[in-house]
Each structure stands twice: as structure tokens, then as C-alpha cells.
Amino acid sequence: MEPIYGTALAIELEERRIPFRREVPIPARYKGRAVGTYFADFIIDDRVILEIKCVTTVLPLFRSQMITYLRLSGKRLGLILNSEPRC
């Protein structure tokens, strides 16, 4: 469901002329060396990291993920957008 919601959100942002980037790589480093890459779902207006979830419960893991993205990217604002799945 998350990819579908992401595509719908991208359409809305484009129609409203809100600048965004999607699936933005965020490099992870350890002792100055690259160790991997995370991918933020969206970065809005080069200021806000937006993560899309489709879960019944927003777990502490998702908050930790956002904190990591913020720390590594140097951004100060993050939003976890959850659309609880419907059965």
C-alpha cells in the first residue's frame, strides 16, 4: 500500500507546486567511511523528511528510523504519515 499512497501523494504535491524529492538517498557513515545508504520516502521543500507508513501501530522503530534520517541528513523536521490499513 505504501507505494500507492506515495504515488498519490506525489501527484498532490505536484498539483500544488510544492517542491519535493522522492526516494532520497541518505548515506550512512562510520568513522568517516561509507557503510550504506538509507532512503527517505520524501523530502519536502528540502526541509522536511516525510516517511509513509501503512500500519496499524506506529512502532518505536519508525521513530528511531526518523531520528536517524534527521541526524544523517542534517534536517530538523520529520513527519511519519501513517494510513492505517483497512480490512
PDB file of N, CA and C in Angstrom:
ATOM      1  N   MET A   1       0.808  -1.207   0.000  1.00  0.00           N
ATOM      2  CA  MET A   1       0.000   0.000   0.000  1.00  0.00           C
ATOM      3  C   MET A   1       0.853   1.275   0.000  1.00  0.00           C
ATOM      4  N   GLU A   2       2.004   1.223   0.658  1.00  0.00           N
ATOM      5  CA  GLU A   2       2.828   2.426   0.756  1.00  0.00           C
ATOM      6  C   GLU A   2       3.229   2.988  -0.606  1.00  0.00           C
ATOM      7  N   PRO A   3       3.638   2.144  -1.573  1.00  0.00           N
ATOM      8  CA  PRO A   3       3.984   2.712  -2.895  1.00  0.00           C
ATOM      9  C   PRO A   3       2.800   3.423  -3.558  1.00  0.00           C
ATOM     10  N   ILE A   4       1.609   2.890  -3.388  1.00  0.00           N
ATOM     11  CA  ILE A   4       0.419   3.516  -3.984  1.00  0.00           C
ATOM     12  C   ILE A   4       0.145   4.858  -3.315  1.00  0.00           C
ATOM     13  N   TYR A   5       0.208   4.887  -1.986  1.00  0.00           N
ATOM     14  CA  TYR A   5      -0.001   6.144  -1.269  1.00  0.00           C
ATOM     15  C   TYR A   5       1.083   7.159  -1.637  1.00  0.00           C
ATOM     16  N   GLY A   6       2.311   6.688  -1.811  1.00  0.00           N
ATOM     17  CA  GLY A   6       3.404   7.578  -2.188  1.00  0.00           C
ATOM     18  C   GLY A   6       3.180   8.202  -3.546  1.00  0.00           C
ATOM     19  N   THR A   7       2.703   7.415  -4.485  1.00  0.00           N
ATOM     20  CA  THR A   7       2.428   7.945  -5.824  1.00  0.00           C
ATOM     21  C   THR A   7       1.297   8.963  -5.775  1.00  0.00           C
ATOM     22  N   ALA A   8       0.252   8.668  -5.005  1.00  0.00           N
ATOM     23  CA  ALA A   8      -0.862   9.615  -4.869  1.00  0.00           C
ATOM     24  C   ALA A   8      -0.392  10.918  -4.222  1.00  0.00           C
ATOM     25  N   LEU A   9       0.456  10.801  -3.207  1.00  0.00           N
ATOM     26  CA  LEU A   9       0.971  11.996  -2.552  1.00  0.00           C
ATOM     27  C   LEU A   9       1.832  12.813  -3.510  1.00  0.00           C
ATOM     28  N   ALA A  10       2.644  12.153  -4.309  1.00  0.00           N
ATOM     29  CA  ALA A  10       3.474  12.856  -5.287  1.00  0.00           C
ATOM     30  C   ALA A  10       2.607  13.644  -6.265  1.00  0.00           C
ATOM     31  N   ILE A  11       1.509  13.051  -6.694  1.00  0.00           N
ATOM     32  CA  ILE A  11       0.585  13.755  -7.595  1.00  0.00           C
ATOM     33  C   ILE A  11       0.043  15.007  -6.922  1.00  0.00           C
ATOM     34  N   GLU A  12      -0.382  14.878  -5.665  1.00  0.00           N
ATOM     35  CA  GLU A  12      -0.920  16.033  -4.937  1.00  0.00           C
ATOM     36  C   GLU A  12       0.129  17.129  -4.783  1.00  0.00           C
ATOM     37  N   LEU A  13       1.328  16.749  -4.425  1.00  0.00           N
ATOM     38  CA  LEU A  13       2.387  17.748  -4.259  1.00  0.00           C
ATOM     39  C   LEU A  13       2.693  18.451  -5.577  1.00  0.00           C
ATOM     40  N   GLU A  14       2.749  17.695  -6.673  1.00  0.00           N
ATOM     41  CA  GLU A  14       2.982  18.302  -7.991  1.00  0.00           C
ATOM     42  C   GLU A  14       1.870  19.283  -8.346  1.00  0.00           C
ATOM     43  N   GLU A  15       0.623  18.871  -8.142  1.00  0.00           N
ATOM     44  CA  GLU A  15      -0.503  19.748  -8.489  1.00  0.00           C
ATOM     45  C   GLU A  15      -0.504  21.029  -7.666  1.00  0.00           C
ATOM     46  N   ARG A  16      -0.006  20.944  -6.454  1.00  0.00           N
ATOM     47  CA  ARG A  16       0.039  22.123  -5.583  1.00  0.00           C
ATOM     48  C   ARG A  16       1.369  22.876  -5.697  1.00  0.00           C
ATOM     49  N   ARG A  17       2.217  22.408  -6.612  1.00  0.00           N
ATOM     50  CA  ARG A  17       3.521  23.032  -6.866  1.00  0.00           C
ATOM     51  C   ARG A  17       4.381  23.136  -5.606  1.00  0.00           C
ATOM     52  N   ILE A  18       4.322  22.092  -4.800  1.00  0.00           N
ATOM     53  CA  ILE A  18       5.164  22.003  -3.610  1.00  0.00           C
ATOM     54  C   ILE A  18       6.404  21.204  -4.002  1.00  0.00           C
ATOM     55  N   PRO A  19       7.579  21.788  -3.873  1.00  0.00           N
ATOM     56  CA  PRO A  19       8.786  21.071  -4.295  1.00  0.00           C
ATOM     57  C   PRO A  19       9.071  19.873  -3.385  1.00  0.00           C
ATOM     58  N   PHE A  20       9.453  18.770  -4.025  1.00  0.00           N
ATOM     59  CA  PHE A  20       9.763  17.562  -3.263  1.00  0.00           C
ATOM     60  C   PHE A  20      10.706  16.687  -4.064  1.00  0.00           C
ATOM     61  N   ARG A  21      11.368  15.804  -3.340  1.00  0.00           N
ATOM     62  CA  ARG A  21      12.159  14.738  -3.952  1.00  0.00           C
ATOM     63  C   ARG A  21      11.675  13.438  -3.334  1.00  0.00           C
ATOM     64  N   ARG A  22      11.728  12.391  -4.119  1.00  0.00           N
ATOM     65  CA  ARG A  22      11.198  11.100  -3.675  1.00  0.00           C
ATOM     66  C   ARG A  22      12.310  10.062  -3.645  1.00  0.00           C
ATOM     67  N   GLU A  23      12.239   9.149  -2.673  1.00  0.00           N
ATOM     68  CA  GLU A  23      13.251   8.089  -2.508  1.00  0.00           C
ATOM     69  C   GLU A  23      14.652   8.690  -2.497  1.00  0.00           C
ATOM     70  N   VAL A  24      14.851   9.602  -1.570  1.00  0.00           N
ATOM     71  CA  VAL A  24      16.091  10.364  -1.492  1.00  0.00           C
ATOM     72  C   VAL A  24      17.143   9.560  -0.730  1.00  0.00           C
ATOM     73  N   PRO A  25      18.307   9.310  -1.347  1.00  0.00           N
ATOM     74  CA  PRO A  25      19.347   8.569  -0.634  1.00  0.00           C
ATOM     75  C   PRO A  25      19.944   9.391   0.506  1.00  0.00           C
ATOM     76  N   ILE A  26      20.120   8.742   1.638  1.00  0.00           N
ATOM     77  CA  ILE A  26      20.763   9.354   2.795  1.00  0.00           C
ATOM     78  C   ILE A  26      21.928   8.444   3.171  1.00  0.00           C
ATOM     79  N   PRO A  27      23.146   8.851   2.851  1.00  0.00           N
ATOM     80  CA  PRO A  27      24.293   7.989   3.113  1.00  0.00           C
ATOM     81  C   PRO A  27      24.575   7.851   4.609  1.00  0.00           C
ATOM     82  N   ALA A  28      24.933   6.646   5.008  1.00  0.00           N
ATOM     83  CA  ALA A  28      25.334   6.371   6.384  1.00  0.00           C
ATOM     84  C   ALA A  28      26.855   6.214   6.408  1.00  0.00           C
ATOM     85  N   ARG A  29      27.472   6.795   7.431  1.00  0.00           N
ATOM     86  CA  ARG A  29      28.927   6.746   7.536  1.00  0.00           C
ATOM     87  C   ARG A  29      29.305   6.272   8.933  1.00  0.00           C
ATOM     88  N   TYR A  30      30.441   5.616   8.996  1.00  0.00           N
ATOM     89  CA  TYR A  30      31.014   5.192  10.265  1.00  0.00           C
ATOM     90  C   TYR A  30      32.507   5.498  10.224  1.00  0.00           C
ATOM     91  N   LYS A  31      32.945   6.294  11.193  1.00  0.00           N
ATOM     92  CA  LYS A  31      34.351   6.718  11.240  1.00  0.00           C
ATOM     93  C   LYS A  31      34.801   7.302   9.904  1.00  0.00           C
ATOM     94  N   GLY A  32      33.895   8.098   9.316  1.00  0.00           N
ATOM     95  CA  GLY A  32      34.222   8.795   8.083  1.00  0.00           C
ATOM     96  C   GLY A  32      34.128   7.962   6.821  1.00  0.00           C
ATOM     97  N   ARG A  33      33.714   6.717   6.954  1.00  0.00           N
ATOM     98  CA  ARG A  33      33.643   5.835   5.785  1.00  0.00           C
ATOM     99  C   ARG A  33      32.191   5.439   5.508  1.00  0.00           C
ATOM    100  N   ALA A  34      31.871   5.367   4.229  1.00  0.00           N
ATOM    101  CA  ALA A  34      30.519   4.977   3.824  1.00  0.00           C
ATOM    102  C   ALA A  34      30.261   3.526   4.226  1.00  0.00           C
ATOM    103  N   VAL A  35      29.109   3.291   4.858  1.00  0.00           N
ATOM    104  CA  VAL A  35      28.748   1.927   5.269  1.00  0.00           C
ATOM    105  C   VAL A  35      27.402   1.485   4.700  1.00  0.00           C
ATOM    106  N   GLY A  36      26.712   2.387   4.036  1.00  0.00           N
ATOM    107  CA  GLY A  36      25.420   2.033   3.459  1.00  0.00           C
ATOM    108  C   GLY A  36      24.609   3.270   3.139  1.00  0.00           C
ATOM    109  N   THR A  37      23.404   3.027   2.688  1.00  0.00           N
ATOM    110  CA  THR A  37      22.518   4.123   2.304  1.00  0.00           C
ATOM    111  C   THR A  37      21.098   3.826   2.762  1.00  0.00           C
ATOM    112  N   TYR A  38      20.491   4.814   3.397  1.00  0.00           N
ATOM    113  CA  TYR A  38      19.072   4.775   3.717  1.00  0.00           C
ATOM    114  C   TYR A  38      18.348   5.545   2.614  1.00  0.00           C
ATOM    115  N   PHE A  39      17.038   5.369   2.507  1.00  0.00           N
ATOM    116  CA  PHE A  39      16.250   6.107   1.522  1.00  0.00           C
ATOM    117  C   PHE A  39      15.021   6.696   2.201  1.00  0.00           C
ATOM    118  N   ALA A  40      14.947   8.027   2.210  1.00  0.00           N
ATOM    119  CA  ALA A  40      13.767   8.711   2.738  1.00  0.00           C
ATOM    120  C   ALA A  40      12.682   8.683   1.672  1.00  0.00           C
ATOM    121  N   ASP A  41      11.447   8.418   2.079  1.00  0.00           N
ATOM    122  CA  ASP A  41      10.350   8.370   1.114  1.00  0.00           C
ATOM    123  C   ASP A  41      10.227   9.697   0.364  1.00  0.00           C
ATOM    124  N   PHE A  42      10.208  10.794   1.099  1.00  0.00           N
ATOM    125  CA  PHE A  42      10.099  12.131   0.507  1.00  0.00           C
ATOM    126  C   PHE A  42      10.940  13.105   1.311  1.00  0.00           C
ATOM    127  N   ILE A  43      11.470  14.107   0.620  1.00  0.00           N
ATOM    128  CA  ILE A  43      11.956  15.311   1.286  1.00  0.00           C
ATOM    129  C   ILE A  43      11.194  16.456   0.639  1.00  0.00           C
ATOM    130  N   ILE A  44      10.448  17.168   1.465  1.00  0.00           N
ATOM    131  CA  ILE A  44       9.568  18.232   1.007  1.00  0.00           C
ATOM    132  C   ILE A  44      10.278  19.573   1.180  1.00  0.00           C
ATOM    133  N   ASP A  45      10.319  20.352   0.098  1.00  0.00           N
ATOM    134  CA  ASP A  45      10.878  21.710   0.118  1.00  0.00           C
ATOM    135  C   ASP A  45      12.290  21.731   0.715  1.00  0.00           C
ATOM    136  N   ASP A  46      13.020  20.650   0.559  1.00  0.00           N
ATOM    137  CA  ASP A  46      14.385  20.489   1.061  1.00  0.00           C
ATOM    138  C   ASP A  46      14.494  20.764   2.557  1.00  0.00           C
ATOM    139  N   ARG A  47      13.356  20.596   3.284  1.00  0.00           N
ATOM    140  CA  ARG A  47      13.365  20.881   4.720  1.00  0.00           C
ATOM    141  C   ARG A  47      12.763  19.773   5.569  1.00  0.00           C
ATOM    142  N   VAL A  48      11.759  19.073   5.059  1.00  0.00           N
ATOM    143  CA  VAL A  48      11.011  18.116   5.874  1.00  0.00           C
ATOM    144  C   VAL A  48      11.157  16.712   5.289  1.00  0.00           C
ATOM    145  N   ILE A  49      11.578  15.786   6.133  1.00  0.00           N
ATOM    146  CA  ILE A  49      11.607  14.382   5.728  1.00  0.00           C
ATOM    147  C   ILE A  49      10.242  13.790   6.038  1.00  0.00           C
ATOM    148  N   LEU A  50       9.656  13.141   5.049  1.00  0.00           N
ATOM    149  CA  LEU A  50       8.335  12.533   5.206  1.00  0.00           C
ATOM    150  C   LEU A  50       8.450  11.042   4.937  1.00  0.00           C
ATOM    151  N   GLU A  51       8.053  10.261   5.918  1.00  0.00           N
ATOM    152  CA  GLU A  51       8.030   8.804   5.784  1.00  0.00           C
ATOM    153  C   GLU A  51       6.584   8.342   5.782  1.00  0.00           C
ATOM    154  N   ILE A  52       6.245   7.519   4.810  1.00  0.00           N
ATOM    155  CA  ILE A  52       4.891   6.987   4.681  1.00  0.00           C
ATOM    156  C   ILE A  52       4.858   5.584   5.271  1.00  0.00           C
ATOM    157  N   LYS A  53       3.862   5.344   6.091  1.00  0.00           N
ATOM    158  CA  LYS A  53       3.645   4.020   6.667  1.00  0.00           C
ATOM    159  C   LYS A  53       2.195   3.625   6.440  1.00  0.00           C
ATOM    160  N   CYS A  54       1.957   2.333   6.427  1.00  0.00           N
ATOM    161  CA  CYS A  54       0.596   1.803   6.320  1.00  0.00           C
ATOM    162  C   CYS A  54       0.519   0.639   7.304  1.00  0.00           C
ATOM    163  N   VAL A  55       0.428   0.990   8.574  1.00  0.00           N
ATOM    164  CA  VAL A  55       0.460   0.005   9.653  1.00  0.00           C
ATOM    165  C   VAL A  55      -0.624   0.311  10.677  1.00  0.00           C
ATOM    166  N   THR A  56      -0.985  -0.686  11.461  1.00  0.00           N
ATOM    167  CA  THR A  56      -1.994  -0.467  12.497  1.00  0.00           C
ATOM    168  C   THR A  56      -1.412   0.257  13.703  1.00  0.00           C
ATOM    169  N   THR A  57      -0.100   0.120  13.921  1.00  0.00           N
ATOM    170  CA  THR A  57       0.556   0.763  15.058  1.00  0.00           C
ATOM    171  C   THR A  57       1.884   1.370  14.604  1.00  0.00           C
ATOM    172  N   VAL A  58       2.084   2.633  14.951  1.00  0.00           N
ATOM    173  CA  VAL A  58       3.365   3.278  14.672  1.00  0.00           C
ATOM    174  C   VAL A  58       4.325   2.824  15.770  1.00  0.00           C
ATOM    175  N   LEU A  59       5.280   2.014  15.393  1.00  0.00           N
ATOM    176  CA  LEU A  59       6.208   1.418  16.345  1.00  0.00           C
ATOM    177  C   LEU A  59       7.350   2.367  16.698  1.00  0.00           C
ATOM    178  N   PRO A  60       7.955   2.180  17.869  1.00  0.00           N
ATOM    179  CA  PRO A  60       9.129   2.981  18.226  1.00  0.00           C
ATOM    180  C   PRO A  60      10.245   2.873  17.176  1.00  0.00           C
ATOM    181  N   LEU A  61      10.321   1.745  16.494  1.00  0.00           N
ATOM    182  CA  LEU A  61      11.311   1.560  15.433  1.00  0.00           C
ATOM    183  C   LEU A  61      11.188   2.639  14.359  1.00  0.00           C
ATOM    184  N   PHE A  62       9.955   3.022  14.014  1.00  0.00           N
ATOM    185  CA  PHE A  62       9.742   4.041  12.988  1.00  0.00           C
ATOM    186  C   PHE A  62      10.241   5.402  13.470  1.00  0.00           C
ATOM    187  N   ARG A  63      10.043   5.686  14.740  1.00  0.00           N
ATOM    188  CA  ARG A  63      10.546   6.947  15.297  1.00  0.00           C
ATOM    189  C   ARG A  63      12.078   6.951  15.288  1.00  0.00           C
ATOM    190  N   SER A  64      12.667   5.819  15.643  1.00  0.00           N
ATOM    191  CA  SER A  64      14.135   5.704  15.616  1.00  0.00           C
ATOM    192  C   SER A  64      14.663   5.891  14.200  1.00  0.00           C
ATOM    193  N   GLN A  65      13.957   5.317  13.230  1.00  0.00           N
ATOM    194  CA  GLN A  65      14.337   5.469  11.831  1.00  0.00           C
ATOM    195  C   GLN A  65      14.333   6.949  11.452  1.00  0.00           C
ATOM    196  N   MET A  66      13.282   7.661  11.838  1.00  0.00           N
ATOM    197  CA  MET A  66      13.184   9.083  11.508  1.00  0.00           C
ATOM    198  C   MET A  66      14.304   9.873  12.168  1.00  0.00           C
ATOM    199  N   ILE A  67      14.587   9.590  13.420  1.00  0.00           N
ATOM    200  CA  ILE A  67      15.667  10.293  14.119  1.00  0.00           C
ATOM    201  C   ILE A  67      16.995  10.055  13.403  1.00  0.00           C
ATOM    202  N   THR A  68      17.226   8.839  12.958  1.00  0.00           N
ATOM    203  CA  THR A  68      18.450   8.524  12.211  1.00  0.00           C
ATOM    204  C   THR A  68      18.502   9.325  10.921  1.00  0.00           C
ATOM    205  N   TYR A  69      17.411   9.358  10.170  1.00  0.00           N
ATOM    206  CA  TYR A  69      17.360  10.124   8.921  1.00  0.00           C
ATOM    207  C   TYR A  69      17.652  11.594   9.176  1.00  0.00           C
ATOM    208  N   LEU A  70      17.048  12.145  10.223  1.00  0.00           N
ATOM    209  CA  LEU A  70      17.258  13.559  10.533  1.00  0.00           C
ATOM    210  C   LEU A  70      18.723  13.819  10.884  1.00  0.00           C
ATOM    211  N   ARG A  71      19.283  12.981  11.719  1.00  0.00           N
ATOM    212  CA  ARG A  71      20.678  13.167  12.142  1.00  0.00           C
ATOM    213  C   ARG A  71      21.633  13.086  10.952  1.00  0.00           C
ATOM    214  N   LEU A  72      21.446  12.066  10.108  1.00  0.00           N
ATOM    215  CA  LEU A  72      22.355  11.872   8.983  1.00  0.00           C
ATOM    216  C   LEU A  72      22.191  12.927   7.893  1.00  0.00           C
ATOM    217  N   SER A  73      20.978  13.417   7.717  1.00  0.00           N
ATOM    218  CA  SER A  73      20.716  14.382   6.637  1.00  0.00           C
ATOM    219  C   SER A  73      20.960  15.829   7.052  1.00  0.00           C
ATOM    220  N   GLY A  74      20.994  16.071   8.362  1.00  0.00           N
ATOM    221  CA  GLY A  74      21.129  17.444   8.837  1.00  0.00           C
ATOM    222  C   GLY A  74      19.816  18.209   8.841  1.00  0.00           C
ATOM    223  N   LYS A  75      18.728  17.534   8.527  1.00  0.00           N
ATOM    224  CA  LYS A  75      17.404  18.175   8.555  1.00  0.00           C
ATOM    225  C   LYS A  75      16.913  18.237  10.001  1.00  0.00           C
ATOM    226  N   ARG A  76      15.986  19.153  10.265  1.00  0.00           N
ATOM    227  CA  ARG A  76      15.465  19.323  11.622  1.00  0.00           C
ATOM    228  C   ARG A  76      14.008  18.893  11.774  1.00  0.00           C
ATOM    229  N   LEU A  77      13.316  18.716  10.647  1.00  0.00           N
ATOM    230  CA  LEU A  77      11.893  18.389  10.703  1.00  0.00           C
ATOM    231  C   LEU A  77      11.616  17.055  10.030  1.00  0.00           C
ATOM    232  N   GLY A  78      10.812  16.238  10.692  1.00  0.00           N
ATOM    233  CA  GLY A  78      10.430  14.954  10.120  1.00  0.00           C
ATOM    234  C   GLY A  78       8.989  14.640  10.457  1.00  0.00           C
ATOM    235  N   LEU A  79       8.324  13.930   9.564  1.00  0.00           N
ATOM    236  CA  LEU A  79       6.930  13.569   9.753  1.00  0.00           C
ATOM    237  C   LEU A  79       6.731  12.118   9.331  1.00  0.00           C
ATOM    238  N   ILE A  80       6.094  11.375  10.218  1.00  0.00           N
ATOM    239  CA  ILE A  80       5.706   9.998   9.873  1.00  0.00           C
ATOM    240  C   ILE A  80       4.215  10.042   9.582  1.00  0.00           C
ATOM    241  N   LEU A  81       3.848   9.751   8.360  1.00  0.00           N
ATOM    242  CA  LEU A  81       2.462   9.788   7.922  1.00  0.00           C
ATOM    243  C   LEU A  81       1.954   8.357   7.820  1.00  0.00           C
ATOM    244  N   ASN A  82       1.011   8.007   8.682  1.00  0.00           N
ATOM    245  CA  ASN A  82       0.501   6.648   8.709  1.00  0.00           C
ATOM    246  C   ASN A  82      -0.951   6.622   8.267  1.00  0.00           C
ATOM    247  N   SER A  83      -1.233   5.726   7.343  1.00  0.00           N
ATOM    248  CA  SER A  83      -2.600   5.456   6.932  1.00  0.00           C
ATOM    249  C   SER A  83      -2.898   4.030   7.332  1.00  0.00           C
ATOM    250  N   GLU A  84      -3.623   3.871   8.413  1.00  0.00           N
ATOM    251  CA  GLU A  84      -3.924   2.536   8.924  1.00  0.00           C
ATOM    252  C   GLU A  84      -4.632   1.714   7.859  1.00  0.00           C
ATOM    253  N   PRO A  85      -4.151   0.491   7.624  1.00  0.00           N
ATOM    254  CA  PRO A  85      -4.794  -0.342   6.605  1.00  0.00           C
ATOM    255  C   PRO A  85      -6.226  -0.700   7.001  1.00  0.00           C
ATOM    256  N   ARG A  86      -7.084  -0.759   6.009  1.00  0.00           N
ATOM    257  CA  ARG A  86      -8.488  -1.133   6.222  1.00  0.00           C
ATOM    258  C   ARG A  86      -8.679  -2.578   5.779  1.00  0.00           C
ATOM    259  N   CYS A  87      -9.363  -3.323   6.580  1.00  0.00           N
ATOM    260  CA  CYS A  87      -9.610  -4.734   6.250  1.00  0.00           C
ATOM    261  C   CYS A  87     -10.943  -4.904   5.531  1.00  0.00           C
TER     262      CYS A  87
END
